[in-house]
Amino acid sequence: MQYCNKCRRPLNDGEVCGCIHSAPQKKKSYTLLFAIGIPVLCLAAFAAAVLLLRVITDMSWRSKQGRMADMNKVAEEMTEAADKALQKISSEGGDVSGWNNINSDEDIPISYKFDIGRFHEYFSEYTGSSDKEFFIIAHDGRVEYLAVSDSWSNTADAVGIYPSFDDSPVYFSRDDIKEKVGKGKRLRDVYIEGTRELMDIRYRE
């Protein structure tokens, strides 16, 4: 009996094995799949990363705006308390005339024509936020500007302003043009600019 030299199948006399004429089976190629799939996956991953970044940025912005709005409400409440405290001092004969720069940092040497200790006492009675850091610019016994924050120097702490403008805190100014407080500024930066503006006002007057 004859056998195929290639596949060793038994052959009848004169029979030619079919394996000689059959083409070898081609192996599957994944080149095209990789060529298309990898860029698509990379593009999808990039789009997902961009979307995630936008979501995180939006959440961070909303959180910051929320904290700022809360601080603006605190500033408004503290302004009412400061006005009441100044009015009470005035009713007791204290001289609250002119410009006064009042703040929560007792280490800053500022002289007043009235008893500043009594002001802080009355102020604490009228507000529940006297534990926060703040500074007040008052004119003739009325608050013109108040800025408040949880700290003087932490850039992460929102700064509340009264009166507030738009969605951003602004520096103290008597002009119509209000300069917004830049990103990363602290309450101390706002205080320094406010004090500088107040000195200019006093000089012009």
N, C-alpha and C. Protein backbone atom coordinates (compact mmCIF):
# COMPACT_ATOMS: atom_id res chain seq x y z
N MET A 1 0.86 -1.19 0.00
CA MET A 1 0.00 0.00 0.00
C MET A 1 0.89 1.24 0.00
N GLN A 2 0.46 2.18 -0.80
CA GLN A 2 1.22 3.42 -0.87
C GLN A 2 0.70 4.43 0.17
N TYR A 3 1.58 5.31 0.57
CA TYR A 3 1.23 6.36 1.54
C TYR A 3 1.67 7.72 0.98
N CYS A 4 0.93 8.70 1.36
CA CYS A 4 1.29 10.07 0.96
C CYS A 4 2.56 10.47 1.69
N ASN A 5 3.50 10.98 0.93
CA ASN A 5 4.78 11.38 1.53
C ASN A 5 4.64 12.58 2.47
N LYS A 6 3.53 13.31 2.30
CA LYS A 6 3.36 14.53 3.09
C LYS A 6 2.55 14.28 4.35
N CYS A 7 1.35 13.68 4.17
CA CYS A 7 0.48 13.50 5.33
C CYS A 7 0.40 12.04 5.78
N ARG A 8 1.04 11.14 5.03
CA ARG A 8 1.11 9.72 5.38
C ARG A 8 -0.27 9.05 5.33
N ARG A 9 -1.21 9.61 4.53
CA ARG A 9 -2.51 8.95 4.36
C ARG A 9 -2.36 7.80 3.38
N PRO A 10 -3.02 6.65 3.68
CA PRO A 10 -2.95 5.51 2.73
C PRO A 10 -3.57 5.88 1.39
N LEU A 11 -2.95 5.49 0.30
CA LEU A 11 -3.42 5.82 -1.05
C LEU A 11 -3.66 4.55 -1.84
N ASN A 12 -4.70 4.58 -2.69
CA ASN A 12 -4.92 3.49 -3.64
C ASN A 12 -3.93 3.64 -4.78
N ASP A 13 -3.86 2.62 -5.59
CA ASP A 13 -2.92 2.67 -6.72
C ASP A 13 -3.29 3.81 -7.65
N GLY A 14 -2.34 4.64 -7.97
CA GLY A 14 -2.54 5.76 -8.89
C GLY A 14 -3.21 6.97 -8.26
N GLU A 15 -3.59 6.88 -6.98
CA GLU A 15 -4.26 8.01 -6.32
C GLU A 15 -3.24 9.07 -5.90
N VAL A 16 -3.64 10.30 -6.11
CA VAL A 16 -2.80 11.42 -5.66
C VAL A 16 -3.50 12.08 -4.46
N CYS A 17 -2.75 12.25 -3.40
CA CYS A 17 -3.34 12.81 -2.17
C CYS A 17 -3.75 14.27 -2.38
N GLY A 18 -4.90 14.60 -1.85
CA GLY A 18 -5.41 15.97 -2.00
C GLY A 18 -4.62 17.01 -1.22
N CYS A 19 -3.85 16.57 -0.25
CA CYS A 19 -3.11 17.56 0.56
C CYS A 19 -2.03 18.25 -0.23
N ILE A 20 -1.65 17.63 -1.32
CA ILE A 20 -0.60 18.25 -2.14
C ILE A 20 -1.12 19.50 -2.82
N HIS A 21 -2.42 19.48 -3.18
CA HIS A 21 -3.00 20.61 -3.92
C HIS A 21 -3.65 21.65 -3.00
N SER A 22 -3.90 21.24 -1.74
CA SER A 22 -4.57 22.21 -0.84
C SER A 22 -3.58 23.26 -0.35
N ALA A 23 -4.02 24.52 -0.36
CA ALA A 23 -3.16 25.64 0.06
C ALA A 23 -3.05 25.64 1.58
N PRO A 24 -1.89 25.99 2.07
CA PRO A 24 -1.74 26.04 3.53
C PRO A 24 -2.66 27.11 4.14
N GLN A 25 -3.24 26.76 5.27
CA GLN A 25 -4.17 27.68 5.94
C GLN A 25 -3.42 28.91 6.46
N LYS A 26 -3.93 30.07 6.13
CA LYS A 26 -3.30 31.31 6.58
C LYS A 26 -3.62 31.56 8.04
N LYS A 27 -2.63 32.02 8.75
CA LYS A 27 -2.84 32.38 10.15
C LYS A 27 -3.54 33.74 10.22
N LYS A 28 -4.40 33.87 11.22
CA LYS A 28 -5.11 35.13 11.39
C LYS A 28 -4.13 36.25 11.71
N SER A 29 -4.34 37.40 11.08
CA SER A 29 -3.48 38.56 11.32
C SER A 29 -4.23 39.58 12.19
N TYR A 30 -3.57 40.01 13.26
CA TYR A 30 -4.16 41.01 14.16
C TYR A 30 -3.57 42.40 13.93
N THR A 31 -2.79 42.53 12.88
CA THR A 31 -2.12 43.81 12.61
C THR A 31 -3.14 44.94 12.40
N LEU A 32 -4.16 44.66 11.58
CA LEU A 32 -5.18 45.67 11.29
C LEU A 32 -5.97 46.02 12.54
N LEU A 33 -6.26 44.96 13.33
CA LEU A 33 -7.01 45.19 14.57
C LEU A 33 -6.25 46.11 15.51
N PHE A 34 -4.94 45.85 15.65
CA PHE A 34 -4.11 46.70 16.51
C PHE A 34 -3.98 48.10 15.92
N ALA A 35 -3.84 48.18 14.60
CA ALA A 35 -3.65 49.48 13.94
C ALA A 35 -4.85 50.40 14.15
N ILE A 36 -6.05 49.82 14.20
CA ILE A 36 -7.26 50.62 14.40
C ILE A 36 -7.62 50.74 15.88
N GLY A 37 -7.51 49.63 16.59
CA GLY A 37 -7.97 49.58 17.97
C GLY A 37 -7.17 50.44 18.93
N ILE A 38 -5.84 50.41 18.82
CA ILE A 38 -4.99 51.15 19.76
C ILE A 38 -5.23 52.66 19.68
N PRO A 39 -5.25 53.27 18.47
CA PRO A 39 -5.54 54.71 18.42
C PRO A 39 -6.93 55.06 18.96
N VAL A 40 -7.92 54.18 18.67
CA VAL A 40 -9.27 54.44 19.17
C VAL A 40 -9.30 54.41 20.70
N LEU A 41 -8.62 53.42 21.29
CA LEU A 41 -8.55 53.33 22.74
C LEU A 41 -7.84 54.53 23.35
N CYS A 42 -6.75 54.95 22.70
CA CYS A 42 -6.01 56.13 23.19
C CYS A 42 -6.87 57.39 23.12
N LEU A 43 -7.61 57.52 22.02
CA LEU A 43 -8.49 58.69 21.86
C LEU A 43 -9.59 58.68 22.91
N ALA A 44 -10.15 57.49 23.16
CA ALA A 44 -11.21 57.38 24.17
C ALA A 44 -10.67 57.70 25.56
N ALA A 45 -9.46 57.22 25.86
CA ALA A 45 -8.85 57.50 27.16
C ALA A 45 -8.57 58.99 27.33
N PHE A 46 -8.10 59.63 26.25
CA PHE A 46 -7.83 61.07 26.30
C PHE A 46 -9.11 61.86 26.52
N ALA A 47 -10.18 61.47 25.79
CA ALA A 47 -11.46 62.16 25.93
C ALA A 47 -12.01 62.00 27.35
N ALA A 48 -11.85 60.80 27.91
CA ALA A 48 -12.32 60.55 29.28
C ALA A 48 -11.53 61.39 30.28
N ALA A 49 -10.20 61.51 30.05
CA ALA A 49 -9.36 62.30 30.95
C ALA A 49 -9.74 63.78 30.90
N VAL A 50 -9.99 64.29 29.68
CA VAL A 50 -10.40 65.70 29.53
C VAL A 50 -11.74 65.95 30.21
N LEU A 51 -12.67 65.01 30.02
CA LEU A 51 -13.99 65.15 30.65
C LEU A 51 -13.89 65.12 32.16
N LEU A 52 -13.05 64.21 32.68
CA LEU A 52 -12.86 64.11 34.13
C LEU A 52 -12.24 65.39 34.68
N LEU A 53 -11.26 65.95 33.95
CA LEU A 53 -10.62 67.19 34.38
C LEU A 53 -11.62 68.34 34.42
N ARG A 54 -12.48 68.40 33.41
CA ARG A 54 -13.50 69.46 33.37
C ARG A 54 -14.48 69.31 34.53
N VAL A 55 -14.85 68.07 34.82
CA VAL A 55 -15.78 67.82 35.94
C VAL A 55 -15.15 68.25 37.26
N ILE A 56 -13.86 67.85 37.46
CA ILE A 56 -13.16 68.20 38.69
C ILE A 56 -13.00 69.71 38.81
N THR A 57 -12.61 70.36 37.70
CA THR A 57 -12.44 71.82 37.69
C THR A 57 -13.76 72.52 37.99
N ASP A 58 -14.83 72.03 37.39
CA ASP A 58 -16.15 72.63 37.61
C ASP A 58 -16.59 72.46 39.06
N MET A 59 -16.34 71.27 39.62
CA MET A 59 -16.70 71.03 41.02
C MET A 59 -15.89 71.92 41.95
N SER A 60 -14.59 72.08 41.62
CA SER A 60 -13.73 72.94 42.43
C SER A 60 -14.19 74.39 42.36
N TRP A 61 -14.55 74.84 41.15
CA TRP A 61 -15.01 76.21 40.97
C TRP A 61 -16.31 76.45 41.73
N ARG A 62 -17.24 75.48 41.62
CA ARG A 62 -18.51 75.61 42.32
C ARG A 62 -18.32 75.61 43.83
N SER A 63 -17.37 74.76 44.29
CA SER A 63 -17.10 74.71 45.72
C SER A 63 -16.53 76.04 46.21
N LYS A 64 -15.60 76.60 45.42
CA LYS A 64 -15.00 77.88 45.79
C LYS A 64 -16.04 79.00 45.76
N GLN A 65 -16.88 78.98 44.72
CA GLN A 65 -17.92 80.01 44.63
C GLN A 65 -18.90 79.89 45.78
N GLY A 66 -19.18 78.64 46.19
CA GLY A 66 -20.07 78.43 47.32
C GLY A 66 -19.48 78.97 48.61
N ARG A 67 -18.17 78.71 48.82
CA ARG A 67 -17.50 79.23 50.02
C ARG A 67 -17.46 80.75 50.01
N MET A 68 -17.24 81.31 48.81
CA MET A 68 -17.18 82.76 48.69
C MET A 68 -18.54 83.39 48.97
N ALA A 69 -19.60 82.74 48.45
CA ALA A 69 -20.95 83.25 48.70
C ALA A 69 -21.28 83.19 50.19
N ASP A 70 -20.86 82.11 50.84
CA ASP A 70 -21.08 81.99 52.29
C ASP A 70 -20.34 83.09 53.05
N MET A 71 -19.09 83.35 52.62
CA MET A 71 -18.30 84.39 53.29
C MET A 71 -18.87 85.78 53.03
N ASN A 72 -19.44 85.99 51.85
CA ASN A 72 -20.08 87.28 51.57
C ASN A 72 -21.27 87.52 52.50
N LYS A 73 -22.00 86.44 52.80
CA LYS A 73 -23.11 86.56 53.75
C LYS A 73 -22.60 86.89 55.16
N VAL A 74 -21.48 86.24 55.52
CA VAL A 74 -20.86 86.54 56.82
C VAL A 74 -20.44 88.01 56.86
N ALA A 75 -19.84 88.48 55.76
CA ALA A 75 -19.39 89.88 55.69
C ALA A 75 -20.56 90.84 55.84
N GLU A 76 -21.68 90.51 55.22
CA GLU A 76 -22.87 91.37 55.33
C GLU A 76 -23.38 91.41 56.77
N GLU A 77 -23.42 90.24 57.41
CA GLU A 77 -23.89 90.18 58.80
C GLU A 77 -22.94 90.92 59.73
N MET A 78 -21.63 90.80 59.48
CA MET A 78 -20.64 91.49 60.31
C MET A 78 -20.70 93.00 60.10
N THR A 79 -21.03 93.42 58.89
CA THR A 79 -21.16 94.85 58.62
C THR A 79 -22.28 95.47 59.46
N GLU A 80 -23.40 94.77 59.53
CA GLU A 80 -24.51 95.26 60.36
C GLU A 80 -24.10 95.34 61.83
N ALA A 81 -23.35 94.32 62.28
CA ALA A 81 -22.89 94.30 63.67
C ALA A 81 -21.91 95.44 63.94
N ALA A 82 -21.00 95.70 63.00
CA ALA A 82 -20.02 96.78 63.17
C ALA A 82 -20.71 98.14 63.19
N ASP A 83 -21.71 98.32 62.33
CA ASP A 83 -22.46 99.58 62.33
C ASP A 83 -23.14 99.81 63.68
N LYS A 84 -23.74 98.75 64.22
CA LYS A 84 -24.40 98.87 65.53
C LYS A 84 -23.40 99.21 66.63
N ALA A 85 -22.22 98.56 66.57
CA ALA A 85 -21.20 98.82 67.59
C ALA A 85 -20.71 100.26 67.52
N LEU A 86 -20.49 100.77 66.31
CA LEU A 86 -20.03 102.16 66.15
C LEU A 86 -21.11 103.15 66.60
N GLN A 87 -22.36 102.84 66.29
CA GLN A 87 -23.46 103.72 66.70
C GLN A 87 -23.58 103.76 68.23
N LYS A 88 -23.36 102.62 68.86
CA LYS A 88 -23.45 102.57 70.32
C LYS A 88 -22.32 103.37 70.95
N ILE A 89 -21.12 103.25 70.40
CA ILE A 89 -19.98 104.02 70.90
C ILE A 89 -20.24 105.51 70.73
N SER A 90 -20.81 105.87 69.57
CA SER A 90 -21.12 107.28 69.31
C SER A 90 -22.16 107.80 70.30
N SER A 91 -23.17 106.96 70.59
CA SER A 91 -24.22 107.38 71.54
C SER A 91 -23.68 107.56 72.94
N GLU A 92 -22.54 106.92 73.23
CA GLU A 92 -21.91 107.04 74.55
C GLU A 92 -20.89 108.17 74.60
N GLY A 93 -20.80 108.92 73.48
CA GLY A 93 -19.89 110.06 73.45
C GLY A 93 -18.56 109.78 72.78
N GLY A 94 -18.38 108.56 72.24
CA GLY A 94 -17.13 108.24 71.55
C GLY A 94 -17.05 108.95 70.21
N ASP A 95 -15.83 109.33 69.81
CA ASP A 95 -15.62 110.05 68.55
C ASP A 95 -15.32 109.05 67.43
N VAL A 96 -16.31 108.78 66.60
CA VAL A 96 -16.13 107.82 65.50
C VAL A 96 -16.06 108.55 64.16
N SER A 97 -15.81 109.85 64.20
CA SER A 97 -15.77 110.64 62.96
C SER A 97 -14.52 110.32 62.16
N GLY A 98 -14.57 110.71 60.87
CA GLY A 98 -13.43 110.50 59.99
C GLY A 98 -13.30 109.05 59.55
N TRP A 99 -12.11 108.75 59.03
CA TRP A 99 -11.83 107.40 58.55
C TRP A 99 -11.22 106.55 59.66
N ASN A 100 -11.68 105.31 59.76
CA ASN A 100 -11.13 104.39 60.75
C ASN A 100 -10.89 103.02 60.11
N ASN A 101 -9.72 102.49 60.38
CA ASN A 101 -9.34 101.16 59.88
C ASN A 101 -9.31 100.21 61.07
N ILE A 102 -10.32 99.39 61.18
CA ILE A 102 -10.48 98.49 62.33
C ILE A 102 -10.24 97.06 61.86
N ASN A 103 -9.47 96.30 62.63
CA ASN A 103 -9.21 94.91 62.22
C ASN A 103 -9.10 94.00 63.44
N SER A 104 -9.08 92.70 63.15
CA SER A 104 -9.06 91.69 64.22
C SER A 104 -7.65 91.39 64.72
N ASP A 105 -6.63 91.89 64.03
CA ASP A 105 -5.25 91.64 64.43
C ASP A 105 -4.80 92.72 65.41
N GLU A 106 -4.75 92.38 66.67
CA GLU A 106 -4.40 93.36 67.70
C GLU A 106 -2.92 93.74 67.68
N ASP A 107 -2.11 92.98 66.93
CA ASP A 107 -0.68 93.29 66.85
C ASP A 107 -0.39 94.46 65.90
N ILE A 108 -1.36 94.83 65.08
CA ILE A 108 -1.17 95.95 64.17
C ILE A 108 -1.39 97.25 64.94
N PRO A 109 -0.36 98.09 65.04
CA PRO A 109 -0.48 99.31 65.86
C PRO A 109 -1.27 100.41 65.14
N ILE A 110 -2.50 100.60 65.55
CA ILE A 110 -3.35 101.65 64.99
C ILE A 110 -3.98 102.42 66.15
N SER A 111 -3.95 103.74 66.05
CA SER A 111 -4.56 104.56 67.11
C SER A 111 -5.97 104.97 66.70
N TYR A 112 -6.83 105.06 67.67
CA TYR A 112 -8.23 105.44 67.43
C TYR A 112 -8.62 106.57 68.38
N LYS A 113 -9.63 107.33 67.96
CA LYS A 113 -10.15 108.41 68.80
C LYS A 113 -11.21 107.89 69.77
N PHE A 114 -11.55 106.62 69.63
CA PHE A 114 -12.53 106.01 70.53
C PHE A 114 -11.93 104.75 71.15
N ASP A 115 -12.62 104.16 72.08
CA ASP A 115 -12.14 102.97 72.79
C ASP A 115 -12.32 101.74 71.90
N ILE A 116 -11.22 101.28 71.28
CA ILE A 116 -11.31 100.15 70.35
C ILE A 116 -11.68 98.86 71.08
N GLY A 117 -11.26 98.74 72.33
CA GLY A 117 -11.63 97.56 73.11
C GLY A 117 -13.13 97.46 73.31
N ARG A 118 -13.76 98.60 73.53
CA ARG A 118 -15.21 98.61 73.70
C ARG A 118 -15.90 98.26 72.37
N PHE A 119 -15.30 98.74 71.28
CA PHE A 119 -15.87 98.39 69.97
C PHE A 119 -15.89 96.87 69.80
N HIS A 120 -14.76 96.21 70.06
CA HIS A 120 -14.69 94.75 69.90
C HIS A 120 -15.67 94.05 70.83
N GLU A 121 -15.88 94.61 71.99
CA GLU A 121 -16.83 94.03 72.94
C GLU A 121 -18.25 94.09 72.38
N TYR A 122 -18.64 95.26 71.90
CA TYR A 122 -19.98 95.41 71.33
C TYR A 122 -20.12 94.59 70.05
N PHE A 123 -19.07 94.61 69.25
CA PHE A 123 -19.08 93.89 67.98
C PHE A 123 -19.32 92.40 68.22
N SER A 124 -18.66 91.84 69.22
CA SER A 124 -18.82 90.42 69.55
C SER A 124 -20.24 90.10 70.01
N GLU A 125 -20.88 91.07 70.64
CA GLU A 125 -22.25 90.87 71.10
C GLU A 125 -23.23 90.81 69.93
N TYR A 126 -22.93 91.56 68.86
CA TYR A 126 -23.87 91.69 67.75
C TYR A 126 -23.64 90.68 66.63
N THR A 127 -22.51 89.99 66.64
CA THR A 127 -22.23 89.02 65.57
C THR A 127 -21.79 87.69 66.16
N GLY A 128 -22.10 86.62 65.43
CA GLY A 128 -21.64 85.30 65.83
C GLY A 128 -20.37 84.89 65.12
N SER A 129 -19.75 85.83 64.41
CA SER A 129 -18.56 85.51 63.61
C SER A 129 -17.34 86.31 64.03
N SER A 130 -17.33 86.79 65.27
CA SER A 130 -16.21 87.62 65.72
C SER A 130 -14.92 86.83 65.86
N ASP A 131 -14.99 85.48 65.78
CA ASP A 131 -13.78 84.66 65.86
C ASP A 131 -13.03 84.63 64.55
N LYS A 132 -13.62 85.12 63.48
CA LYS A 132 -12.96 85.14 62.17
C LYS A 132 -12.03 86.34 62.07
N GLU A 133 -11.13 86.27 61.09
CA GLU A 133 -10.22 87.40 60.84
C GLU A 133 -10.92 88.38 59.91
N PHE A 134 -10.76 89.68 60.17
CA PHE A 134 -11.48 90.68 59.38
C PHE A 134 -10.78 92.02 59.47
N PHE A 135 -11.15 92.89 58.55
CA PHE A 135 -10.81 94.30 58.72
C PHE A 135 -11.94 95.14 58.16
N ILE A 136 -12.11 96.30 58.77
CA ILE A 136 -13.24 97.18 58.46
C ILE A 136 -12.70 98.57 58.15
N ILE A 137 -13.22 99.16 57.10
CA ILE A 137 -12.93 100.57 56.82
C ILE A 137 -14.24 101.33 57.02
N ALA A 138 -14.24 102.20 58.03
CA ALA A 138 -15.45 102.95 58.38
C ALA A 138 -15.22 104.44 58.18
N HIS A 139 -16.29 105.14 57.83
CA HIS A 139 -16.21 106.58 57.64
C HIS A 139 -17.37 107.25 58.37
N ASP A 140 -17.01 108.13 59.31
CA ASP A 140 -18.01 108.85 60.11
C ASP A 140 -19.02 107.90 60.76
N GLY A 141 -18.50 106.82 61.31
CA GLY A 141 -19.36 105.90 62.06
C GLY A 141 -20.15 104.91 61.24
N ARG A 142 -19.87 104.83 59.93
CA ARG A 142 -20.57 103.88 59.06
C ARG A 142 -19.55 103.03 58.31
N VAL A 143 -19.83 101.74 58.20
CA VAL A 143 -18.91 100.84 57.50
C VAL A 143 -18.98 101.08 56.00
N GLU A 144 -17.82 101.37 55.41
CA GLU A 144 -17.74 101.54 53.96
C GLU A 144 -17.31 100.24 53.28
N TYR A 145 -16.54 99.45 53.98
CA TYR A 145 -15.97 98.23 53.38
C TYR A 145 -15.60 97.27 54.49
N LEU A 146 -15.88 95.98 54.27
CA LEU A 146 -15.50 94.95 55.24
C LEU A 146 -15.04 93.71 54.49
N ALA A 147 -13.92 93.15 54.90
CA ALA A 147 -13.41 91.90 54.33
C ALA A 147 -13.19 90.90 55.46
N VAL A 148 -13.55 89.64 55.21
CA VAL A 148 -13.46 88.62 56.25
C VAL A 148 -12.99 87.30 55.65
N SER A 149 -12.26 86.54 56.46
CA SER A 149 -11.80 85.21 56.05
C SER A 149 -11.53 84.38 57.30
N ASP A 150 -11.25 83.10 57.10
CA ASP A 150 -10.93 82.24 58.24
C ASP A 150 -9.51 82.47 58.74
N SER A 151 -8.67 83.06 57.90
CA SER A 151 -7.29 83.34 58.31
C SER A 151 -6.77 84.54 57.53
N TRP A 152 -5.66 85.09 58.01
CA TRP A 152 -5.03 86.22 57.32
C TRP A 152 -4.17 85.77 56.14
N SER A 153 -3.58 84.58 56.24
CA SER A 153 -2.49 84.23 55.32
C SER A 153 -2.71 82.99 54.48
N ASN A 154 -3.80 82.25 54.68
CA ASN A 154 -4.02 81.02 53.92
C ASN A 154 -4.72 81.35 52.60
N THR A 155 -4.05 81.04 51.48
CA THR A 155 -4.62 81.35 50.17
C THR A 155 -5.82 80.46 49.83
N ALA A 156 -5.96 79.35 50.55
CA ALA A 156 -7.09 78.44 50.28
C ALA A 156 -8.39 78.93 50.90
N ASP A 157 -8.29 79.87 51.83
CA ASP A 157 -9.49 80.38 52.50
C ASP A 157 -10.17 81.46 51.67
N ALA A 158 -11.46 81.31 51.48
CA ALA A 158 -12.22 82.30 50.71
C ALA A 158 -12.29 83.62 51.47
N VAL A 159 -12.29 84.71 50.71
CA VAL A 159 -12.40 86.05 51.30
C VAL A 159 -13.79 86.60 50.98
N GLY A 160 -14.52 86.94 52.03
CA GLY A 160 -15.84 87.54 51.84
C GLY A 160 -15.75 89.05 51.91
N ILE A 161 -16.53 89.72 51.08
CA ILE A 161 -16.47 91.18 50.98
C ILE A 161 -17.87 91.77 51.13
N TYR A 162 -17.93 92.90 51.81
CA TYR A 162 -19.17 93.69 51.80
C TYR A 162 -18.80 95.16 51.58
N PRO A 163 -19.42 95.83 50.60
CA PRO A 163 -20.42 95.26 49.68
C PRO A 163 -19.77 94.36 48.64
N SER A 164 -20.46 93.29 48.23
CA SER A 164 -19.92 92.33 47.27
C SER A 164 -20.30 92.75 45.85
N PHE A 165 -19.46 92.37 44.89
CA PHE A 165 -19.69 92.71 43.49
C PHE A 165 -19.50 91.45 42.65
N ASP A 166 -20.48 91.15 41.80
CA ASP A 166 -20.43 89.98 40.92
C ASP A 166 -20.15 88.72 41.74
N ASP A 167 -19.21 87.89 41.22
CA ASP A 167 -18.89 86.64 41.90
C ASP A 167 -17.46 86.64 42.42
N SER A 168 -16.83 87.83 42.46
CA SER A 168 -15.44 87.90 42.91
C SER A 168 -15.28 89.02 43.94
N PRO A 169 -14.39 88.81 44.91
CA PRO A 169 -14.12 89.89 45.86
C PRO A 169 -13.37 91.02 45.18
N VAL A 170 -13.55 92.23 45.66
CA VAL A 170 -12.86 93.39 45.09
C VAL A 170 -12.13 94.13 46.20
N TYR A 171 -11.12 94.88 45.80
CA TYR A 171 -10.37 95.70 46.75
C TYR A 171 -11.19 96.94 47.13
N PHE A 172 -10.87 97.49 48.27
CA PHE A 172 -11.53 98.72 48.70
C PHE A 172 -11.16 99.86 47.77
N SER A 173 -12.16 100.60 47.34
CA SER A 173 -11.93 101.77 46.50
C SER A 173 -13.18 102.63 46.53
N ARG A 174 -12.97 103.93 46.52
CA ARG A 174 -14.11 104.85 46.47
C ARG A 174 -14.43 105.22 45.03
N ASP A 175 -13.62 104.75 44.09
CA ASP A 175 -13.87 105.02 42.68
C ASP A 175 -14.93 104.06 42.14
N ASP A 176 -15.48 104.40 40.98
CA ASP A 176 -16.48 103.54 40.35
C ASP A 176 -15.86 102.25 39.82
N ILE A 177 -14.59 102.30 39.43
CA ILE A 177 -13.91 101.11 38.91
C ILE A 177 -13.44 100.26 40.08
N LYS A 178 -13.93 99.03 40.13
CA LYS A 178 -13.57 98.11 41.21
C LYS A 178 -12.58 97.07 40.68
N GLU A 179 -11.44 96.99 41.35
CA GLU A 179 -10.43 96.00 40.95
C GLU A 179 -10.67 94.69 41.69
N LYS A 180 -10.78 93.61 40.91
CA LYS A 180 -11.04 92.31 41.52
C LYS A 180 -9.79 91.76 42.20
N VAL A 181 -10.01 91.05 43.28
CA VAL A 181 -8.91 90.40 43.99
C VAL A 181 -8.48 89.19 43.18
N GLY A 182 -7.19 89.13 42.82
CA GLY A 182 -6.69 88.06 41.98
C GLY A 182 -6.66 86.71 42.67
N LYS A 183 -6.47 85.68 41.85
CA LYS A 183 -6.42 84.31 42.37
C LYS A 183 -5.22 84.14 43.29
N GLY A 184 -5.43 83.44 44.39
CA GLY A 184 -4.34 83.15 45.32
C GLY A 184 -4.04 84.27 46.30
N LYS A 185 -4.86 85.32 46.29
CA LYS A 185 -4.65 86.42 47.23
C LYS A 185 -5.25 86.09 48.60
N ARG A 186 -4.59 86.58 49.63
CA ARG A 186 -5.03 86.32 51.00
C ARG A 186 -5.74 87.55 51.57
N LEU A 187 -6.36 87.35 52.72
CA LEU A 187 -6.99 88.49 53.39
C LEU A 187 -5.96 89.57 53.68
N ARG A 188 -4.74 89.16 54.03
CA ARG A 188 -3.70 90.15 54.33
C ARG A 188 -3.39 91.00 53.10
N ASP A 189 -3.40 90.39 51.91
CA ASP A 189 -3.16 91.15 50.67
C ASP A 189 -4.27 92.18 50.46
N VAL A 190 -5.51 91.76 50.72
CA VAL A 190 -6.65 92.67 50.58
C VAL A 190 -6.53 93.81 51.58
N TYR A 191 -6.07 93.49 52.79
CA TYR A 191 -5.90 94.50 53.84
C TYR A 191 -4.83 95.52 53.44
N ILE A 192 -3.71 95.03 52.92
CA ILE A 192 -2.62 95.93 52.53
C ILE A 192 -3.08 96.91 51.45
N GLU A 193 -3.78 96.38 50.44
CA GLU A 193 -4.28 97.24 49.37
C GLU A 193 -5.32 98.22 49.89
N GLY A 194 -6.18 97.75 50.79
CA GLY A 194 -7.20 98.64 51.37
C GLY A 194 -6.58 99.75 52.19
N THR A 195 -5.55 99.42 52.96
CA THR A 195 -4.86 100.42 53.77
C THR A 195 -4.16 101.45 52.89
N ARG A 196 -3.57 100.96 51.80
CA ARG A 196 -2.90 101.87 50.86
C ARG A 196 -3.90 102.84 50.22
N GLU A 197 -5.06 102.32 49.83
CA GLU A 197 -6.10 103.17 49.24
C GLU A 197 -6.61 104.18 50.26
N LEU A 198 -6.76 103.74 51.50
CA LEU A 198 -7.24 104.64 52.56
C LEU A 198 -6.24 105.77 52.81
N MET A 199 -4.96 105.45 52.77
CA MET A 199 -3.93 106.48 52.94
C MET A 199 -4.00 107.50 51.82
N ASP A 200 -4.25 107.03 50.58
CA ASP A 200 -4.38 107.95 49.44
C ASP A 200 -5.59 108.87 49.62
N ILE A 201 -6.69 108.30 50.12
CA ILE A 201 -7.90 109.10 50.34
C ILE A 201 -7.64 110.19 51.38
N ARG A 202 -7.00 109.80 52.46
CA ARG A 202 -6.68 110.78 53.51
C ARG A 202 -5.75 111.87 52.99
N TYR A 203 -4.82 111.48 52.12
CA TYR A 203 -3.88 112.45 51.56
C TYR A 203 -4.62 113.44 50.66
N ARG A 204 -5.55 112.94 49.85
CA ARG A 204 -6.30 113.81 48.93
C ARG A 204 -7.24 114.74 49.68
N GLU A 205 -7.73 114.28 50.84
CA GLU A 205 -8.65 115.11 51.60
C GLU A 205 -7.91 116.17 52.40
